[in-house]
Amino acid sequence: MNLAIIGASGNVGRKTIEILEKSKIKFEKLFLVASPKSAGKKIKFRNKEIKIENLEDYDFGNAKITFFAAGSQISKEWAPKAAKKTIVIDNSSYFRMQKDVPLVVPEVNPEALEKHSNIISNPNCSTMQMVLPLKPLHDEYKIKRVIVSTYQAVSGAGKAPMDELFEQSKNYLDGKKITIKNFTKQIAFNLIPHIDIFEKDGYTKEELKMTNETKKILDNEINVSATCVRVPVRTGHSESINIEFDNLYDFENILRILKNAPGCKVIDDHKDGGYITPLEAEGNYTTYISRIRKDNSNVKAINLWVVSDNLLKGAALNSVQIAECLMKKL
């Protein structure tokens, strides 16, 4: 059993390597693949150095499972070719809404892995951390509607936007001119209510991803309204979620359900600092739930604050967990 990572030198690729380093997955060899720009570089893995191979020359038959972490255009071009020789776990958005491609969060819908055509899609990072608490709540109390506002870290946009945040912050504090390259407005000491491109209805693609992916993963009958905001945080997405159920609920039961939600941990002390921020979630596999409270304007609704490392559970970790599920069946 061999594994491979396409886009091994990028943010998600490197996080996948880190997770595999710590994991108990048994495999013989790891192939690292990237663009010609990164080919030839070496990355250390389990006390050995692995040379990155050029994607254009790589043989996909080398590995049983291949992680794609190189963006939609690479996935569009190369994943179908790869799927003829290997099982693809794709981190991009390209295949997510295709009917024959399962969109999987192992704690939520592992049964979706029963049928696939060698391509499995990883959900959007903001969707993924939201459906973790939604799933057990929906099982107990059918969810009617979700209103979510996200506060998404710059790492979700890639390395160059991360570098831009650091550069802008330094220049701002030094009184120097701010240069905007990867964002529509200054990101340092600011918020940008705009992630991905605008669609005709005024929503952005990121917001529509949350709506469409939640329906595909959980239930097509759930209505979702999202507002996605980029914030000057390095790593860790945060979400303010309002959940409306079909019927009345028992609040104490809501607390019990959330405390037992797979992949999650409740940190919710009603005092200063009794909640989780993205800085504290960075580097952790857990998705944290805080600020659990009744919606005082709607007797059928509750509010949550959910925080997760977008490069881990929001991308690389979920991919590895999908691989773990697959390997049990192989």
Protein backbone atom coordinates (compact mmCIF):
# COMPACT_ATOMS: atom_id res chain seq x y z
CA MET A 1 0.00 0.00 0.00
CA ASN A 2 1.53 3.29 -1.16
CA LEU A 3 0.20 6.85 -0.83
CA ALA A 4 0.86 9.98 -2.87
CA ILE A 5 0.28 13.72 -2.45
CA ILE A 6 -0.20 16.01 -5.44
CA GLY A 7 0.65 19.57 -4.44
CA ALA A 8 3.00 18.39 -1.71
CA SER A 9 4.78 21.74 -1.38
CA GLY A 10 1.64 23.83 -0.74
CA ASN A 11 -0.12 24.68 2.54
CA VAL A 12 -2.53 21.72 2.50
CA GLY A 13 0.05 19.34 1.03
CA ARG A 14 2.51 20.05 3.82
CA LYS A 15 -0.21 19.68 6.45
CA THR A 16 -1.12 16.31 4.93
CA ILE A 17 2.50 15.24 5.26
CA GLU A 18 2.53 16.35 8.91
CA ILE A 19 -0.64 14.40 9.69
CA LEU A 20 0.61 11.26 7.95
CA GLU A 21 3.83 11.60 9.95
CA LYS A 22 1.84 11.34 13.19
CA SER A 23 -0.81 8.90 11.99
CA LYS A 24 -0.97 5.16 12.58
CA ILE A 25 -1.85 4.46 8.95
CA LYS A 26 0.23 1.59 7.65
CA PHE A 27 1.69 2.15 4.21
CA GLU A 28 4.96 1.32 2.53
CA LYS A 29 5.92 4.41 0.57
CA LEU A 30 4.87 8.04 0.21
CA PHE A 31 5.23 9.77 -3.15
CA LEU A 32 5.41 13.57 -3.16
CA VAL A 33 4.43 15.35 -6.36
CA ALA A 34 4.19 19.00 -7.37
CA SER A 35 4.70 21.47 -10.21
CA PRO A 36 8.01 21.74 -12.10
CA LYS A 37 8.82 24.73 -9.87
CA SER A 38 8.97 22.51 -6.77
CA ALA A 39 10.19 19.30 -8.42
CA GLY A 40 13.56 18.17 -7.15
CA LYS A 41 13.18 19.72 -3.70
CA LYS A 42 13.29 17.39 -0.72
CA ILE A 43 10.91 17.07 2.22
CA LYS A 44 11.72 15.10 5.36
CA PHE A 45 9.25 12.36 6.31
CA ARG A 46 9.76 9.76 9.04
CA ASN A 47 13.52 10.36 9.22
CA LYS A 48 13.95 10.11 5.45
CA GLU A 49 14.16 12.70 2.71
CA ILE A 50 11.69 12.35 -0.14
CA LYS A 51 12.38 14.11 -3.42
CA ILE A 52 9.38 15.88 -4.94
CA GLU A 53 8.52 14.51 -8.37
CA ASN A 54 7.30 16.52 -11.35
CA LEU A 55 3.54 16.12 -11.86
CA GLU A 56 3.97 15.99 -15.64
CA ASP A 57 6.21 12.92 -15.38
CA TYR A 58 4.61 11.13 -12.44
CA ASP A 59 3.02 7.67 -12.76
CA PHE A 60 -0.27 7.62 -10.83
CA GLY A 61 -0.09 3.84 -10.66
CA ASN A 62 2.56 4.17 -7.94
CA ALA A 63 0.01 4.65 -5.14
CA LYS A 64 -3.27 3.06 -4.10
CA ILE A 65 -4.60 6.36 -2.70
CA THR A 66 -3.61 9.82 -3.94
CA PHE A 67 -4.35 13.10 -2.17
CA PHE A 68 -4.89 16.08 -4.47
CA ALA A 69 -4.01 19.37 -2.73
CA ALA A 70 -3.12 21.61 -5.66
CA GLY A 71 -6.29 23.55 -6.52
CA SER A 72 -9.22 23.18 -8.88
CA GLN A 73 -7.40 23.63 -12.17
CA ILE A 74 -4.88 20.87 -11.40
CA SER A 75 -7.69 18.60 -10.17
CA LYS A 76 -9.77 19.30 -13.26
CA GLU A 77 -6.93 18.35 -15.57
CA TRP A 78 -5.20 15.54 -13.68
CA ALA A 79 -7.66 13.86 -11.28
CA PRO A 80 -9.67 12.06 -14.02
CA LYS A 81 -6.41 10.72 -15.46
CA ALA A 82 -5.23 9.69 -12.00
CA ALA A 83 -8.55 7.97 -11.20
CA LYS A 84 -7.82 5.37 -13.86
CA LYS A 85 -4.94 4.11 -11.71
CA THR A 86 -5.53 5.29 -8.13
CA ILE A 87 -8.25 6.40 -5.71
CA VAL A 88 -8.26 10.20 -5.64
CA ILE A 89 -9.14 12.20 -2.52
CA ASP A 90 -9.53 15.73 -3.83
CA ASN A 91 -9.30 18.88 -1.70
CA SER A 92 -10.46 21.27 -4.42
CA SER A 93 -14.00 22.42 -5.15
CA TYR A 94 -14.06 21.05 -8.68
CA PHE A 95 -15.83 17.70 -8.10
CA ARG A 96 -17.83 18.46 -4.95
CA MET A 97 -21.25 18.88 -6.49
CA GLN A 98 -20.95 16.17 -9.14
CA LYS A 99 -23.59 13.51 -8.50
CA ASP A 100 -21.30 10.50 -8.85
CA VAL A 101 -18.61 11.96 -6.54
CA PRO A 102 -19.17 11.47 -2.79
CA LEU A 103 -18.62 14.54 -0.60
CA VAL A 104 -17.45 13.13 2.70
CA VAL A 105 -16.88 14.07 6.34
CA PRO A 106 -16.13 10.71 8.04
CA GLU A 107 -17.86 11.63 11.32
CA VAL A 108 -20.96 12.75 9.41
CA ASN A 109 -21.60 10.64 6.29
CA PRO A 110 -19.08 7.75 6.01
CA GLU A 111 -21.73 5.70 4.21
CA ALA A 112 -21.17 7.92 1.16
CA LEU A 113 -17.88 6.08 0.62
CA GLU A 114 -19.73 2.89 -0.30
CA LYS A 115 -20.05 4.03 -3.90
CA HIS A 116 -17.46 6.01 -5.83
CA SER A 117 -15.67 6.02 -9.18
CA ASN A 118 -12.19 6.49 -7.71
CA ILE A 119 -12.76 10.18 -6.97
CA ILE A 120 -13.84 11.33 -3.51
CA SER A 121 -14.24 14.99 -2.66
CA ASN A 122 -13.28 16.86 0.49
CA PRO A 123 -15.84 19.54 1.47
CA ASN A 124 -15.07 23.22 1.76
CA CYS A 125 -13.32 24.07 5.03
CA SER A 126 -16.14 26.33 6.27
CA THR A 127 -18.78 23.71 5.46
CA MET A 128 -16.85 20.94 7.13
CA GLN A 129 -16.60 22.47 10.58
CA MET A 130 -20.26 23.48 10.47
CA VAL A 131 -21.73 20.07 9.59
CA LEU A 132 -19.89 18.39 12.49
CA PRO A 133 -22.21 19.89 15.15
CA LEU A 134 -25.18 20.03 12.77
CA LYS A 135 -25.23 16.27 12.09
CA PRO A 136 -26.14 14.96 15.59
CA LEU A 137 -28.52 17.86 16.13
CA HIS A 138 -30.28 17.10 12.85
CA ASP A 139 -30.55 13.43 13.81
CA GLU A 140 -32.34 14.34 17.03
CA TYR A 141 -34.21 17.50 16.05
CA LYS A 142 -34.75 17.98 12.33
CA ILE A 143 -33.03 21.21 11.25
CA LYS A 144 -35.17 23.59 9.22
CA ARG A 145 -32.78 26.50 8.64
CA VAL A 146 -29.21 27.59 9.30
CA ILE A 147 -27.94 31.18 9.24
CA VAL A 148 -24.15 31.36 9.42
CA SER A 149 -21.58 34.14 9.38
CA THR A 150 -17.97 33.02 8.94
CA TYR A 151 -14.73 34.68 10.00
CA GLN A 152 -12.18 32.97 7.79
CA ALA A 153 -8.39 33.05 8.17
CA VAL A 154 -6.10 34.13 5.35
CA SER A 155 -4.47 30.68 5.24
CA GLY A 156 -7.64 29.49 3.54
CA ALA A 157 -6.61 31.57 0.52
CA GLY A 158 -3.06 30.18 0.31
CA LYS A 159 0.53 31.10 1.16
CA ALA A 160 0.72 34.34 -0.83
CA PRO A 161 -2.29 35.88 0.98
CA MET A 162 -0.76 34.85 4.30
CA ASP A 163 2.46 36.62 3.36
CA GLU A 164 0.44 39.67 2.32
CA LEU A 165 -1.23 39.88 5.74
CA PHE A 166 2.17 39.81 7.47
CA GLU A 167 3.67 42.36 5.06
CA GLN A 168 0.70 44.73 5.28
CA SER A 169 0.63 44.51 9.09
CA LYS A 170 4.31 45.41 9.32
CA ASN A 171 3.99 48.27 6.84
CA TYR A 172 0.87 49.59 8.58
CA LEU A 173 2.61 49.68 11.95
CA ASP A 174 5.71 51.27 10.37
CA GLY A 175 3.60 53.94 8.66
CA LYS A 176 4.53 52.72 5.20
CA LYS A 177 2.41 52.40 2.07
CA ILE A 178 0.06 49.40 1.95
CA THR A 179 0.19 47.31 -1.22
CA ILE A 180 -2.82 45.14 -2.16
CA LYS A 181 -2.06 42.08 -4.28
CA ASN A 182 -4.25 39.09 -3.36
CA PHE A 183 -7.27 40.76 -1.76
CA THR A 184 -9.84 43.29 -2.97
CA LYS A 185 -9.06 45.61 -0.06
CA GLN A 186 -6.47 45.92 2.69
CA ILE A 187 -6.64 42.85 4.94
CA ALA A 188 -4.36 44.02 7.76
CA PHE A 189 -6.41 45.51 10.64
CA ASN A 190 -9.52 45.12 8.49
CA LEU A 191 -12.33 42.74 7.49
CA ILE A 192 -13.38 41.87 3.93
CA PRO A 193 -16.97 40.58 3.43
CA HIS A 194 -16.01 38.87 0.20
CA ILE A 195 -14.54 35.39 -0.41
CA ASP A 196 -14.39 33.98 -3.95
CA ILE A 197 -16.28 35.54 -6.88
CA PHE A 198 -19.74 37.12 -6.85
CA GLU A 199 -22.65 35.31 -8.49
CA LYS A 200 -25.69 36.98 -10.11
CA ASP A 201 -27.80 36.80 -6.94
CA GLY A 202 -25.23 38.79 -4.94
CA TYR A 203 -23.89 35.82 -2.98
CA THR A 204 -20.28 34.75 -3.39
CA LYS A 205 -19.23 31.28 -4.48
CA GLU A 206 -17.92 30.61 -0.96
CA GLU A 207 -21.35 31.34 0.49
CA LEU A 208 -23.10 29.17 -2.06
CA LYS A 209 -20.63 26.35 -1.39
CA MET A 210 -21.77 26.30 2.23
CA THR A 211 -25.40 26.10 1.15
CA ASN A 212 -25.02 23.47 -1.57
CA GLU A 213 -22.49 21.28 0.22
CA THR A 214 -24.48 21.19 3.47
CA LYS A 215 -27.51 20.03 1.52
CA LYS A 216 -25.51 17.31 -0.24
CA ILE A 217 -23.81 16.06 2.95
CA LEU A 218 -26.72 16.30 5.39
CA ASP A 219 -30.15 16.88 3.90
CA ASN A 220 -31.39 18.68 0.81
CA GLU A 221 -34.30 20.06 2.85
CA ILE A 222 -32.09 22.18 5.13
CA ASN A 223 -32.12 25.86 4.17
CA VAL A 224 -28.78 27.64 4.59
CA SER A 225 -28.00 31.36 4.39
CA ALA A 226 -24.30 32.27 4.66
CA THR A 227 -22.19 35.42 4.85
CA CYS A 228 -18.47 34.71 4.47
CA VAL A 229 -15.88 37.19 5.72
CA ARG A 230 -12.08 37.16 5.42
CA VAL A 231 -10.41 38.31 8.64
CA PRO A 232 -6.79 39.17 9.54
CA VAL A 233 -6.18 35.86 11.29
CA ARG A 234 -3.39 33.53 10.22
CA THR A 235 -5.04 30.14 10.72
CA GLY A 236 -8.40 29.01 12.09
CA HIS A 237 -11.91 29.67 10.80
CA SER A 238 -14.65 30.82 13.17
CA GLU A 239 -18.40 30.67 12.61
CA SER A 240 -21.43 32.19 14.29
CA ILE A 241 -24.25 29.74 13.59
CA ASN A 242 -27.98 30.14 14.19
CA ILE A 243 -29.85 26.83 13.91
CA GLU A 244 -33.64 26.67 13.65
CA PHE A 245 -35.37 23.31 14.19
CA ASP A 246 -38.73 22.13 12.90
CA ASN A 247 -40.05 21.81 16.45
CA LEU A 248 -39.33 22.79 20.03
CA TYR A 249 -36.19 21.35 21.65
CA ASP A 250 -34.90 20.47 25.10
CA PHE A 251 -31.90 22.74 25.76
CA GLU A 252 -30.24 20.35 28.22
CA ASN A 253 -30.47 17.64 25.58
CA ILE A 254 -28.89 20.01 23.05
CA LEU A 255 -25.93 20.39 25.40
CA ARG A 256 -25.62 16.61 25.82
CA ILE A 257 -25.72 16.07 22.07
CA LEU A 258 -23.02 18.65 21.38
CA LYS A 259 -20.77 17.34 24.15
CA ASN A 260 -20.89 13.94 22.46
CA ALA A 261 -20.55 15.15 18.87
CA PRO A 262 -17.73 13.20 17.13
CA GLY A 263 -14.68 15.32 16.35
CA CYS A 264 -15.91 18.16 18.54
CA LYS A 265 -15.30 19.51 22.03
CA VAL A 266 -17.49 21.91 23.97
CA ILE A 267 -15.65 24.75 25.74
CA ASP A 268 -18.42 26.97 27.01
CA ASP A 269 -17.91 28.61 30.38
CA HIS A 270 -20.01 31.72 30.84
CA LYS A 271 -17.15 33.90 32.01
CA ASP A 272 -14.31 35.96 30.57
CA GLY A 273 -12.27 33.73 28.26
CA GLY A 274 -14.61 30.76 28.63
CA TYR A 275 -14.68 30.10 24.89
CA ILE A 276 -12.29 29.15 22.09
CA THR A 277 -10.69 31.55 19.61
CA PRO A 278 -8.94 30.66 16.33
CA LEU A 279 -5.52 31.22 17.88
CA GLU A 280 -6.21 28.46 20.42
CA ALA A 281 -7.64 26.12 17.79
CA GLU A 282 -4.60 26.40 15.54
CA GLY A 283 -2.72 23.11 15.34
CA ASN A 284 -5.53 21.09 16.94
CA TYR A 285 -7.51 18.32 15.28
CA THR A 286 -10.62 19.16 17.30
CA THR A 287 -13.49 21.40 16.21
CA TYR A 288 -14.52 23.53 19.19
CA ILE A 289 -18.03 24.61 20.13
CA SER A 290 -18.63 27.61 22.40
CA ARG A 291 -21.31 30.21 23.20
CA ILE A 292 -24.16 27.67 23.12
CA ARG A 293 -27.38 29.53 23.90
CA LYS A 294 -31.07 29.75 23.17
CA ASP A 295 -32.17 32.19 20.50
CA ASN A 296 -34.29 34.59 22.55
CA SER A 297 -36.09 35.73 19.39
CA ASN A 298 -37.09 32.23 18.25
CA VAL A 299 -38.15 29.40 20.59
CA LYS A 300 -37.15 26.81 17.96
CA ALA A 301 -33.59 28.09 17.45
CA ILE A 302 -30.17 28.08 19.13
CA ASN A 303 -26.86 29.90 18.59
CA LEU A 304 -23.35 28.42 18.44
CA TRP A 305 -19.78 29.66 18.03
CA VAL A 306 -17.67 27.06 16.18
CA VAL A 307 -13.90 27.25 15.63
CA SER A 308 -11.57 24.89 13.77
CA ASP A 309 -8.12 24.83 12.17
CA ASN A 310 -9.01 25.22 8.48
CA LEU A 311 -5.79 23.58 7.27
CA LEU A 312 -6.33 20.52 9.50
CA LYS A 313 -9.95 19.40 9.92
CA GLY A 314 -10.88 21.88 7.23
CA ALA A 315 -8.64 20.19 4.68
CA ALA A 316 -5.70 17.84 5.29
CA LEU A 317 -6.98 16.00 8.38
CA ASN A 318 -10.33 15.21 6.81
CA SER A 319 -8.55 13.85 3.73
CA VAL A 320 -6.45 11.51 5.84
CA GLN A 321 -9.53 10.41 7.79
CA ILE A 322 -11.22 9.56 4.48
CA ALA A 323 -8.15 7.51 3.55
CA GLU A 324 -8.34 5.69 6.88
CA CYS A 325 -11.96 4.75 6.17
CA LEU A 326 -11.07 3.55 2.69
CA MET A 327 -8.13 1.48 3.88
CA LYS A 328 -10.39 -0.46 6.23
CA LYS A 329 -12.38 -1.54 3.20
CA LEU A 330 -9.48 -2.31 0.85
